[in-house]
Amino acid sequence: MRLRMCALVIALAIVAAATALWARQARTPGTFATDRWEYRVVIEAAPSAGSALSSLGQAGWELAAVVTQDEYAGNARLTRVYYYLKRRIFSDR
């Protein structure tokens, strides 16, 4: 009986510590609970946006996805490339 009570007290202490750590992390700025993002799409007529993407990367933008789409007009083919970017917004709170 005493061993069972001791195990129960240890289990409750572990649960309380985990809950306190989780609550503390949720209030810390820059963690998953307070992250905010802005999004941007860059459309190019040909897959040659290296310099534009490089300057966006220096401004803090991260490339999230790339989608290509072919459009046909008669015998001509136009390839459009969609670059999806994201950037974290840091608040002063």
PDB file of N, CA and C in Angstrom:
ATOM      1  N   MET A   1       0.826  -1.196   0.000  1.00  0.00           N
ATOM      2  CA  MET A   1       0.000   0.000   0.000  1.00  0.00           C
ATOM      3  C   MET A   1       0.865   1.253   0.000  1.00  0.00           C
ATOM      4  N   ARG A   2       1.896   1.252   0.799  1.00  0.00           N
ATOM      5  CA  ARG A   2       2.777   2.412   0.877  1.00  0.00           C
ATOM      6  C   ARG A   2       3.536   2.609  -0.433  1.00  0.00           C
ATOM      7  N   LEU A   3       3.921   1.510  -1.083  1.00  0.00           N
ATOM      8  CA  LEU A   3       4.619   1.583  -2.373  1.00  0.00           C
ATOM      9  C   LEU A   3       3.705   2.161  -3.449  1.00  0.00           C
ATOM     10  N   ARG A   4       2.452   1.782  -3.418  1.00  0.00           N
ATOM     11  CA  ARG A   4       1.484   2.285  -4.389  1.00  0.00           C
ATOM     12  C   ARG A   4       1.268   3.788  -4.205  1.00  0.00           C
ATOM     13  N   MET A   5       1.206   4.235  -2.977  1.00  0.00           N
ATOM     14  CA  MET A   5       1.035   5.657  -2.688  1.00  0.00           C
ATOM     15  C   MET A   5       2.256   6.447  -3.151  1.00  0.00           C
ATOM     16  N   CYS A   6       3.437   5.909  -2.938  1.00  0.00           N
ATOM     17  CA  CYS A   6       4.672   6.567  -3.359  1.00  0.00           C
ATOM     18  C   CYS A   6       4.727   6.684  -4.884  1.00  0.00           C
ATOM     19  N   ALA A   7       4.323   5.623  -5.585  1.00  0.00           N
ATOM     20  CA  ALA A   7       4.301   5.641  -7.055  1.00  0.00           C
ATOM     21  C   ALA A   7       3.304   6.675  -7.566  1.00  0.00           C
ATOM     22  N   LEU A   8       2.171   6.798  -6.904  1.00  0.00           N
ATOM     23  CA  LEU A   8       1.157   7.783  -7.287  1.00  0.00           C
ATOM     24  C   LEU A   8       1.683   9.206  -7.108  1.00  0.00           C
ATOM     25  N   VAL A   9       2.376   9.469  -6.027  1.00  0.00           N
ATOM     26  CA  VAL A   9       2.937  10.797  -5.764  1.00  0.00           C
ATOM     27  C   VAL A   9       3.998  11.127  -6.811  1.00  0.00           C
ATOM     28  N   ILE A  10       4.842  10.172  -7.165  1.00  0.00           N
ATOM     29  CA  ILE A  10       5.874  10.405  -8.188  1.00  0.00           C
ATOM     30  C   ILE A  10       5.230  10.673  -9.541  1.00  0.00           C
ATOM     31  N   ALA A  11       4.199   9.913  -9.901  1.00  0.00           N
ATOM     32  CA  ALA A  11       3.513  10.114 -11.174  1.00  0.00           C
ATOM     33  C   ALA A  11       2.862  11.495 -11.235  1.00  0.00           C
ATOM     34  N   LEU A  12       2.230  11.908 -10.155  1.00  0.00           N
ATOM     35  CA  LEU A  12       1.611  13.244 -10.122  1.00  0.00           C
ATOM     36  C   LEU A  12       2.663  14.345 -10.210  1.00  0.00           C
ATOM     37  N   ALA A  13       3.827  14.149  -9.604  1.00  0.00           N
ATOM     38  CA  ALA A  13       4.893  15.141  -9.678  1.00  0.00           C
ATOM     39  C   ALA A  13       5.414  15.267 -11.115  1.00  0.00           C
ATOM     40  N   ILE A  14       5.531  14.141 -11.809  1.00  0.00           N
ATOM     41  CA  ILE A  14       5.988  14.174 -13.207  1.00  0.00           C
ATOM     42  C   ILE A  14       4.975  14.893 -14.083  1.00  0.00           C
ATOM     43  N   VAL A  15       3.697  14.599 -13.905  1.00  0.00           N
ATOM     44  CA  VAL A  15       2.648  15.265 -14.687  1.00  0.00           C
ATOM     45  C   VAL A  15       2.634  16.765 -14.401  1.00  0.00           C
ATOM     46  N   ALA A  16       2.770  17.168 -13.142  1.00  0.00           N
ATOM     47  CA  ALA A  16       2.774  18.588 -12.796  1.00  0.00           C
ATOM     48  C   ALA A  16       3.974  19.297 -13.401  1.00  0.00           C
ATOM     49  N   ALA A  17       5.151  18.665 -13.375  1.00  0.00           N
ATOM     50  CA  ALA A  17       6.355  19.282 -13.957  1.00  0.00           C
ATOM     51  C   ALA A  17       6.219  19.424 -15.463  1.00  0.00           C
ATOM     52  N   ALA A  18       5.697  18.402 -16.125  1.00  0.00           N
ATOM     53  CA  ALA A  18       5.520  18.471 -17.580  1.00  0.00           C
ATOM     54  C   ALA A  18       4.522  19.555 -17.956  1.00  0.00           C
ATOM     55  N   THR A  19       3.449  19.684 -17.206  1.00  0.00           N
ATOM     56  CA  THR A  19       2.442  20.716 -17.475  1.00  0.00           C
ATOM     57  C   THR A  19       3.028  22.113 -17.276  1.00  0.00           C
ATOM     58  N   ALA A  20       3.821  22.288 -16.242  1.00  0.00           N
ATOM     59  CA  ALA A  20       4.433  23.597 -15.985  1.00  0.00           C
ATOM     60  C   ALA A  20       5.416  23.967 -17.092  1.00  0.00           C
ATOM     61  N   LEU A  21       6.207  23.008 -17.560  1.00  0.00           N
ATOM     62  CA  LEU A  21       7.149  23.285 -18.651  1.00  0.00           C
ATOM     63  C   LEU A  21       6.424  23.616 -19.938  1.00  0.00           C
ATOM     64  N   TRP A  22       5.340  22.890 -20.222  1.00  0.00           N
ATOM     65  CA  TRP A  22       4.580  23.149 -21.437  1.00  0.00           C
ATOM     66  C   TRP A  22       3.952  24.541 -21.390  1.00  0.00           C
ATOM     67  N   ALA A  23       3.404  24.927 -20.257  1.00  0.00           N
ATOM     68  CA  ALA A  23       2.783  26.244 -20.127  1.00  0.00           C
ATOM     69  C   ALA A  23       3.825  27.350 -20.252  1.00  0.00           C
ATOM     70  N   ARG A  24       5.000  27.137 -19.720  1.00  0.00           N
ATOM     71  CA  ARG A  24       6.062  28.138 -19.821  1.00  0.00           C
ATOM     72  C   ARG A  24       6.499  28.329 -21.270  1.00  0.00           C
ATOM     73  N   GLN A  25       6.627  27.230 -22.006  1.00  0.00           N
ATOM     74  CA  GLN A  25       7.040  27.330 -23.404  1.00  0.00           C
ATOM     75  C   GLN A  25       5.977  28.015 -24.241  1.00  0.00           C
ATOM     76  N   ALA A  26       4.716  27.798 -23.949  1.00  0.00           N
ATOM     77  CA  ALA A  26       3.632  28.420 -24.704  1.00  0.00           C
ATOM     78  C   ALA A  26       3.621  29.933 -24.542  1.00  0.00           C
ATOM     79  N   ARG A  27       4.162  30.455 -23.437  1.00  0.00           N
ATOM     80  CA  ARG A  27       4.193  31.903 -23.211  1.00  0.00           C
ATOM     81  C   ARG A  27       5.485  32.541 -23.694  1.00  0.00           C
ATOM     82  N   THR A  28       6.492  31.757 -24.087  1.00  0.00           N
ATOM     83  CA  THR A  28       7.784  32.297 -24.502  1.00  0.00           C
ATOM     84  C   THR A  28       7.693  32.812 -25.930  1.00  0.00           C
ATOM     85  N   PRO A  29       8.078  34.078 -26.195  1.00  0.00           N
ATOM     86  CA  PRO A  29       8.040  34.600 -27.554  1.00  0.00           C
ATOM     87  C   PRO A  29       8.976  33.815 -28.470  1.00  0.00           C
ATOM     88  N   GLY A  30       8.542  33.656 -29.736  1.00  0.00           N
ATOM     89  CA  GLY A  30       9.370  32.979 -30.715  1.00  0.00           C
ATOM     90  C   GLY A  30       9.191  31.477 -30.740  1.00  0.00           C
ATOM     91  N   THR A  31       8.218  30.950 -30.018  1.00  0.00           N
ATOM     92  CA  THR A  31       7.946  29.528 -30.047  1.00  0.00           C
ATOM     93  C   THR A  31       6.711  29.263 -30.882  1.00  0.00           C
ATOM     94  N   PHE A  32       6.359  27.989 -31.016  1.00  0.00           N
ATOM     95  CA  PHE A  32       5.256  27.611 -31.881  1.00  0.00           C
ATOM     96  C   PHE A  32       3.939  28.257 -31.500  1.00  0.00           C
ATOM     97  N   ALA A  33       3.733  28.585 -30.251  1.00  0.00           N
ATOM     98  CA  ALA A  33       2.455  29.140 -29.816  1.00  0.00           C
ATOM     99  C   ALA A  33       2.269  30.583 -30.271  1.00  0.00           C
ATOM    100  N   THR A  34       3.353  31.310 -30.528  1.00  0.00           N
ATOM    101  CA  THR A  34       3.233  32.716 -30.890  1.00  0.00           C
ATOM    102  C   THR A  34       3.778  33.023 -32.283  1.00  0.00           C
ATOM    103  N   ASP A  35       4.229  32.012 -33.019  1.00  0.00           N
ATOM    104  CA  ASP A  35       4.762  32.271 -34.360  1.00  0.00           C
ATOM    105  C   ASP A  35       3.671  32.789 -35.285  1.00  0.00           C
ATOM    106  N   ARG A  36       4.031  33.811 -36.050  1.00  0.00           N
ATOM    107  CA  ARG A  36       3.153  34.329 -37.098  1.00  0.00           C
ATOM    108  C   ARG A  36       3.969  34.389 -38.364  1.00  0.00           C
ATOM    109  N   TRP A  37       3.346  34.126 -39.495  1.00  0.00           N
ATOM    110  CA  TRP A  37       4.054  34.059 -40.771  1.00  0.00           C
ATOM    111  C   TRP A  37       3.354  34.944 -41.785  1.00  0.00           C
ATOM    112  N   GLU A  38       4.146  35.454 -42.733  1.00  0.00           N
ATOM    113  CA  GLU A  38       3.566  36.111 -43.900  1.00  0.00           C
ATOM    114  C   GLU A  38       4.006  35.316 -45.120  1.00  0.00           C
ATOM    115  N   TYR A  39       3.201  35.371 -46.159  1.00  0.00           N
ATOM    116  CA  TYR A  39       3.423  34.534 -47.330  1.00  0.00           C
ATOM    117  C   TYR A  39       3.503  35.399 -48.581  1.00  0.00           C
ATOM    118  N   ARG A  40       4.212  34.871 -49.577  1.00  0.00           N
ATOM    119  CA  ARG A  40       4.394  35.613 -50.821  1.00  0.00           C
ATOM    120  C   ARG A  40       4.516  34.622 -51.963  1.00  0.00           C
ATOM    121  N   VAL A  41       3.975  34.978 -53.120  1.00  0.00           N
ATOM    122  CA  VAL A  41       4.097  34.149 -54.316  1.00  0.00           C
ATOM    123  C   VAL A  41       4.802  34.974 -55.383  1.00  0.00           C
ATOM    124  N   VAL A  42       5.864  34.420 -55.963  1.00  0.00           N
ATOM    125  CA  VAL A  42       6.588  35.052 -57.062  1.00  0.00           C
ATOM    126  C   VAL A  42       6.323  34.214 -58.299  1.00  0.00           C
ATOM    127  N   ILE A  43       5.816  34.851 -59.365  1.00  0.00           N
ATOM    128  CA  ILE A  43       5.500  34.142 -60.603  1.00  0.00           C
ATOM    129  C   ILE A  43       6.489  34.581 -61.672  1.00  0.00           C
ATOM    130  N   GLU A  44       7.140  33.618 -62.287  1.00  0.00           N
ATOM    131  CA  GLU A  44       8.094  33.896 -63.361  1.00  0.00           C
ATOM    132  C   GLU A  44       7.631  33.190 -64.630  1.00  0.00           C
ATOM    133  N   ALA A  45       7.901  33.803 -65.779  1.00  0.00           N
ATOM    134  CA  ALA A  45       7.527  33.204 -67.053  1.00  0.00           C
ATOM    135  C   ALA A  45       8.508  32.112 -67.472  1.00  0.00           C
ATOM    136  N   ALA A  46       9.689  32.108 -66.902  1.00  0.00           N
ATOM    137  CA  ALA A  46      10.688  31.083 -67.201  1.00  0.00           C
ATOM    138  C   ALA A  46      11.416  30.764 -65.890  1.00  0.00           C
ATOM    139  N   PRO A  47      11.930  29.548 -65.762  1.00  0.00           N
ATOM    140  CA  PRO A  47      12.597  29.185 -64.499  1.00  0.00           C
ATOM    141  C   PRO A  47      13.987  29.790 -64.350  1.00  0.00           C
ATOM    142  N   SER A  48      14.062  31.112 -64.274  1.00  0.00           N
ATOM    143  CA  SER A  48      15.362  31.781 -64.130  1.00  0.00           C
ATOM    144  C   SER A  48      15.270  32.915 -63.113  1.00  0.00           C
ATOM    145  N   ALA A  49      14.726  32.626 -61.948  1.00  0.00           N
ATOM    146  CA  ALA A  49      14.524  33.660 -60.929  1.00  0.00           C
ATOM    147  C   ALA A  49      15.596  33.586 -59.848  1.00  0.00           C
ATOM    148  N   GLY A  50      16.770  33.110 -60.185  1.00  0.00           N
ATOM    149  CA  GLY A  50      17.819  32.929 -59.189  1.00  0.00           C
ATOM    150  C   GLY A  50      18.172  34.189 -58.438  1.00  0.00           C
ATOM    151  N   SER A  51      18.378  35.305 -59.125  1.00  0.00           N
ATOM    152  CA  SER A  51      18.766  36.538 -58.438  1.00  0.00           C
ATOM    153  C   SER A  51      17.618  37.113 -57.611  1.00  0.00           C
ATOM    154  N   ALA A  52      16.392  37.000 -58.105  1.00  0.00           N
ATOM    155  CA  ALA A  52      15.241  37.500 -57.345  1.00  0.00           C
ATOM    156  C   ALA A  52      15.057  36.683 -56.071  1.00  0.00           C
ATOM    157  N   LEU A  53      15.198  35.363 -56.170  1.00  0.00           N
ATOM    158  CA  LEU A  53      15.053  34.513 -54.987  1.00  0.00           C
ATOM    159  C   LEU A  53      16.191  34.746 -54.005  1.00  0.00           C
ATOM    160  N   SER A  54      17.377  35.021 -54.514  1.00  0.00           N
ATOM    161  CA  SER A  54      18.519  35.276 -53.644  1.00  0.00           C
ATOM    162  C   SER A  54      18.299  36.543 -52.824  1.00  0.00           C
ATOM    163  N   SER A  55      17.802  37.597 -53.452  1.00  0.00           N
ATOM    164  CA  SER A  55      17.566  38.838 -52.707  1.00  0.00           C
ATOM    165  C   SER A  55      16.429  38.671 -51.701  1.00  0.00           C
ATOM    166  N   LEU A  56      15.415  37.869 -52.050  1.00  0.00           N
ATOM    167  CA  LEU A  56      14.338  37.603 -51.100  1.00  0.00           C
ATOM    168  C   LEU A  56      14.859  36.776 -49.917  1.00  0.00           C
ATOM    169  N   GLY A  57      15.757  35.850 -50.189  1.00  0.00           N
ATOM    170  CA  GLY A  57      16.349  35.056 -49.126  1.00  0.00           C
ATOM    171  C   GLY A  57      17.147  35.914 -48.163  1.00  0.00           C
ATOM    172  N   GLN A  58      17.845  36.915 -48.678  1.00  0.00           N
ATOM    173  CA  GLN A  58      18.598  37.821 -47.815  1.00  0.00           C
ATOM    174  C   GLN A  58      17.667  38.678 -46.950  1.00  0.00           C
ATOM    175  N   ALA A  59      16.425  38.851 -47.427  1.00  0.00           N
ATOM    176  CA  ALA A  59      15.442  39.632 -46.667  1.00  0.00           C
ATOM    177  C   ALA A  59      14.676  38.768 -45.673  1.00  0.00           C
ATOM    178  N   GLY A  60      15.061  37.486 -45.540  1.00  0.00           N
ATOM    179  CA  GLY A  60      14.429  36.636 -44.549  1.00  0.00           C
ATOM    180  C   GLY A  60      13.365  35.696 -45.075  1.00  0.00           C
ATOM    181  N   TRP A  61      13.115  35.702 -46.384  1.00  0.00           N
ATOM    182  CA  TRP A  61      12.101  34.827 -46.958  1.00  0.00           C
ATOM    183  C   TRP A  61      12.672  33.429 -47.152  1.00  0.00           C
ATOM    184  N   GLU A  62      11.853  32.402 -46.867  1.00  0.00           N
ATOM    185  CA  GLU A  62      12.227  31.011 -47.064  1.00  0.00           C
ATOM    186  C   GLU A  62      11.373  30.426 -48.181  1.00  0.00           C
ATOM    187  N   LEU A  63      12.005  29.664 -49.065  1.00  0.00           N
ATOM    188  CA  LEU A  63      11.278  29.008 -50.144  1.00  0.00           C
ATOM    189  C   LEU A  63      10.531  27.814 -49.569  1.00  0.00           C
ATOM    190  N   ALA A  64       9.206  27.799 -49.732  1.00  0.00           N
ATOM    191  CA  ALA A  64       8.382  26.725 -49.175  1.00  0.00           C
ATOM    192  C   ALA A  64       7.990  25.698 -50.233  1.00  0.00           C
ATOM    193  N   ALA A  65       7.753  26.154 -51.475  1.00  0.00           N
ATOM    194  CA  ALA A  65       7.336  25.230 -52.533  1.00  0.00           C
ATOM    195  C   ALA A  65       7.575  25.868 -53.892  1.00  0.00           C
ATOM    196  N   VAL A  66       7.695  25.011 -54.900  1.00  0.00           N
ATOM    197  CA  VAL A  66       7.828  25.459 -56.288  1.00  0.00           C
ATOM    198  C   VAL A  66       6.856  24.637 -57.124  1.00  0.00           C
ATOM    199  N   VAL A  67       6.051  25.327 -57.945  1.00  0.00           N
ATOM    200  CA  VAL A  67       5.097  24.661 -58.827  1.00  0.00           C
ATOM    201  C   VAL A  67       5.299  25.199 -60.235  1.00  0.00           C
ATOM    202  N   THR A  68       5.410  24.285 -61.202  1.00  0.00           N
ATOM    203  CA  THR A  68       5.508  24.713 -62.604  1.00  0.00           C
ATOM    204  C   THR A  68       4.200  24.390 -63.305  1.00  0.00           C
ATOM    205  N   GLN A  69       3.840  25.248 -64.257  1.00  0.00           N
ATOM    206  CA  GLN A  69       2.603  25.060 -65.003  1.00  0.00           C
ATOM    207  C   GLN A  69       2.891  25.383 -66.462  1.00  0.00           C
ATOM    208  N   ASP A  70       2.569  24.462 -67.329  1.00  0.00           N
ATOM    209  CA  ASP A  70       2.744  24.682 -68.770  1.00  0.00           C
ATOM    210  C   ASP A  70       1.428  25.128 -69.372  1.00  0.00           C
ATOM    211  N   GLU A  71       1.509  26.192 -70.188  1.00  0.00           N
ATOM    212  CA  GLU A  71       0.329  26.685 -70.910  1.00  0.00           C
ATOM    213  C   GLU A  71       0.647  26.614 -72.395  1.00  0.00           C
ATOM    214  N   TYR A  72      -0.327  26.165 -73.173  1.00  0.00           N
ATOM    215  CA  TYR A  72      -0.121  26.013 -74.607  1.00  0.00           C
ATOM    216  C   TYR A  72      -1.029  26.960 -75.359  1.00  0.00           C
ATOM    217  N   ALA A  73      -0.453  27.639 -76.346  1.00  0.00           N
ATOM    218  CA  ALA A  73      -1.215  28.510 -77.246  1.00  0.00           C
ATOM    219  C   ALA A  73      -0.780  28.139 -78.666  1.00  0.00           C
ATOM    220  N   GLY A  74      -1.578  27.318 -79.301  1.00  0.00           N
ATOM    221  CA  GLY A  74      -1.171  26.820 -80.616  1.00  0.00           C
ATOM    222  C   GLY A  74       0.000  25.860 -80.454  1.00  0.00           C
ATOM    223  N   ASN A  75       1.096  26.149 -81.166  1.00  0.00           N
ATOM    224  CA  ASN A  75       2.293  25.322 -81.051  1.00  0.00           C
ATOM    225  C   ASN A  75       3.278  25.855 -80.012  1.00  0.00           C
ATOM    226  N   ALA A  76       2.969  26.998 -79.441  1.00  0.00           N
ATOM    227  CA  ALA A  76       3.885  27.610 -78.470  1.00  0.00           C
ATOM    228  C   ALA A  76       3.560  27.118 -77.060  1.00  0.00           C
ATOM    229  N   ARG A  77       4.605  26.907 -76.288  1.00  0.00           N
ATOM    230  CA  ARG A  77       4.431  26.495 -74.903  1.00  0.00           C
ATOM    231  C   ARG A  77       5.039  27.554 -73.985  1.00  0.00           C
ATOM    232  N   LEU A  78       4.274  27.964 -72.999  1.00  0.00           N
ATOM    233  CA  LEU A  78       4.753  28.922 -72.018  1.00  0.00           C
ATOM    234  C   LEU A  78       4.793  28.227 -70.657  1.00  0.00           C
ATOM    235  N   THR A  79       5.942  28.239 -70.036  1.00  0.00           N
ATOM    236  CA  THR A  79       6.095  27.627 -68.714  1.00  0.00           C
ATOM    237  C   THR A  79       6.118  28.725 -67.666  1.00  0.00           C
ATOM    238  N   ARG A  80       5.213  28.624 -66.721  1.00  0.00           N
ATOM    239  CA  ARG A  80       5.193  29.549 -65.592  1.00  0.00           C
ATOM    240  C   ARG A  80       5.667  28.793 -64.357  1.00  0.00           C
ATOM    241  N   VAL A  81       6.467  29.492 -63.561  1.00  0.00           N
ATOM    242  CA  VAL A  81       6.977  28.907 -62.330  1.00  0.00           C
ATOM    243  C   VAL A  81       6.462  29.753 -61.166  1.00  0.00           C
ATOM    244  N   TYR A  82       5.828  29.087 -60.212  1.00  0.00           N
ATOM    245  CA  TYR A  82       5.292  29.745 -59.028  1.00  0.00           C
ATOM    246  C   TYR A  82       6.197  29.383 -57.842  1.00  0.00           C
ATOM    247  N   TYR A  83       6.796  30.397 -57.242  1.00  0.00           N
ATOM    248  CA  TYR A  83       7.642  30.217 -56.066  1.00  0.00           C
ATOM    249  C   TYR A  83       6.842  30.686 -54.854  1.00  0.00           C
ATOM    250  N   TYR A  84       6.591  29.790 -53.935  1.00  0.00           N
ATOM    251  CA  TYR A  84       5.852  30.112 -52.715  1.00  0.00           C
ATOM    252  C   TYR A  84       6.857  30.312 -51.586  1.00  0.00           C
ATOM    253  N   LEU A  85       6.799  31.498 -50.958  1.00  0.00           N
ATOM    254  CA  LEU A  85       7.755  31.835 -49.905  1.00  0.00           C
ATOM    255  C   LEU A  85       7.028  32.169 -48.617  1.00  0.00           C
ATOM    256  N   LYS A  86       7.740  32.024 -47.497  1.00  0.00           N
ATOM    257  CA  LYS A  86       7.187  32.383 -46.192  1.00  0.00           C
ATOM    258  C   LYS A  86       8.268  33.092 -45.393  1.00  0.00           C
ATOM    259  N   ARG A  87       7.821  33.938 -44.468  1.00  0.00           N
ATOM    260  CA  ARG A  87       8.751  34.658 -43.599  1.00  0.00           C
ATOM    261  C   ARG A  87       8.100  34.830 -42.242  1.00  0.00           C
ATOM    262  N   ARG A  88       8.865  34.553 -41.193  1.00  0.00           N
ATOM    263  CA  ARG A  88       8.353  34.686 -39.830  1.00  0.00           C
ATOM    264  C   ARG A  88       8.261  36.167 -39.459  1.00  0.00           C
ATOM    265  N   ILE A  89       7.160  36.520 -38.815  1.00  0.00           N
ATOM    266  CA  ILE A  89       6.959  37.882 -38.325  1.00  0.00           C
ATOM    267  C   ILE A  89       7.278  37.879 -36.839  1.00  0.00           C
ATOM    268  N   PHE A  90       8.223  38.690 -36.449  1.00  0.00           N
ATOM    269  CA  PHE A  90       8.588  38.790 -35.038  1.00  0.00           C
ATOM    270  C   PHE A  90       7.877  39.987 -34.439  1.00  0.00           C
ATOM    271  N   SER A  91       7.205  39.766 -33.328  1.00  0.00           N
ATOM    272  CA  SER A  91       6.515  40.867 -32.659  1.00  0.00           C
ATOM    273  C   SER A  91       7.370  41.384 -31.526  1.00  0.00           C
ATOM    274  N   ASP A  92       7.085  42.613 -31.077  1.00  0.00           N
ATOM    275  CA  ASP A  92       7.857  43.265 -30.009  1.00  0.00           C
ATOM    276  C   ASP A  92       7.295  42.955 -28.632  1.00  0.00           C
ATOM    277  N   ARG A  93       6.334  42.035 -28.538  1.00  0.00           N
ATOM    278  CA  ARG A  93       5.737  41.718 -27.228  1.00  0.00           C
ATOM    279  C   ARG A  93       6.686  41.013 -26.331  1.00  0.00           C
TER     280      ARG A  93
END
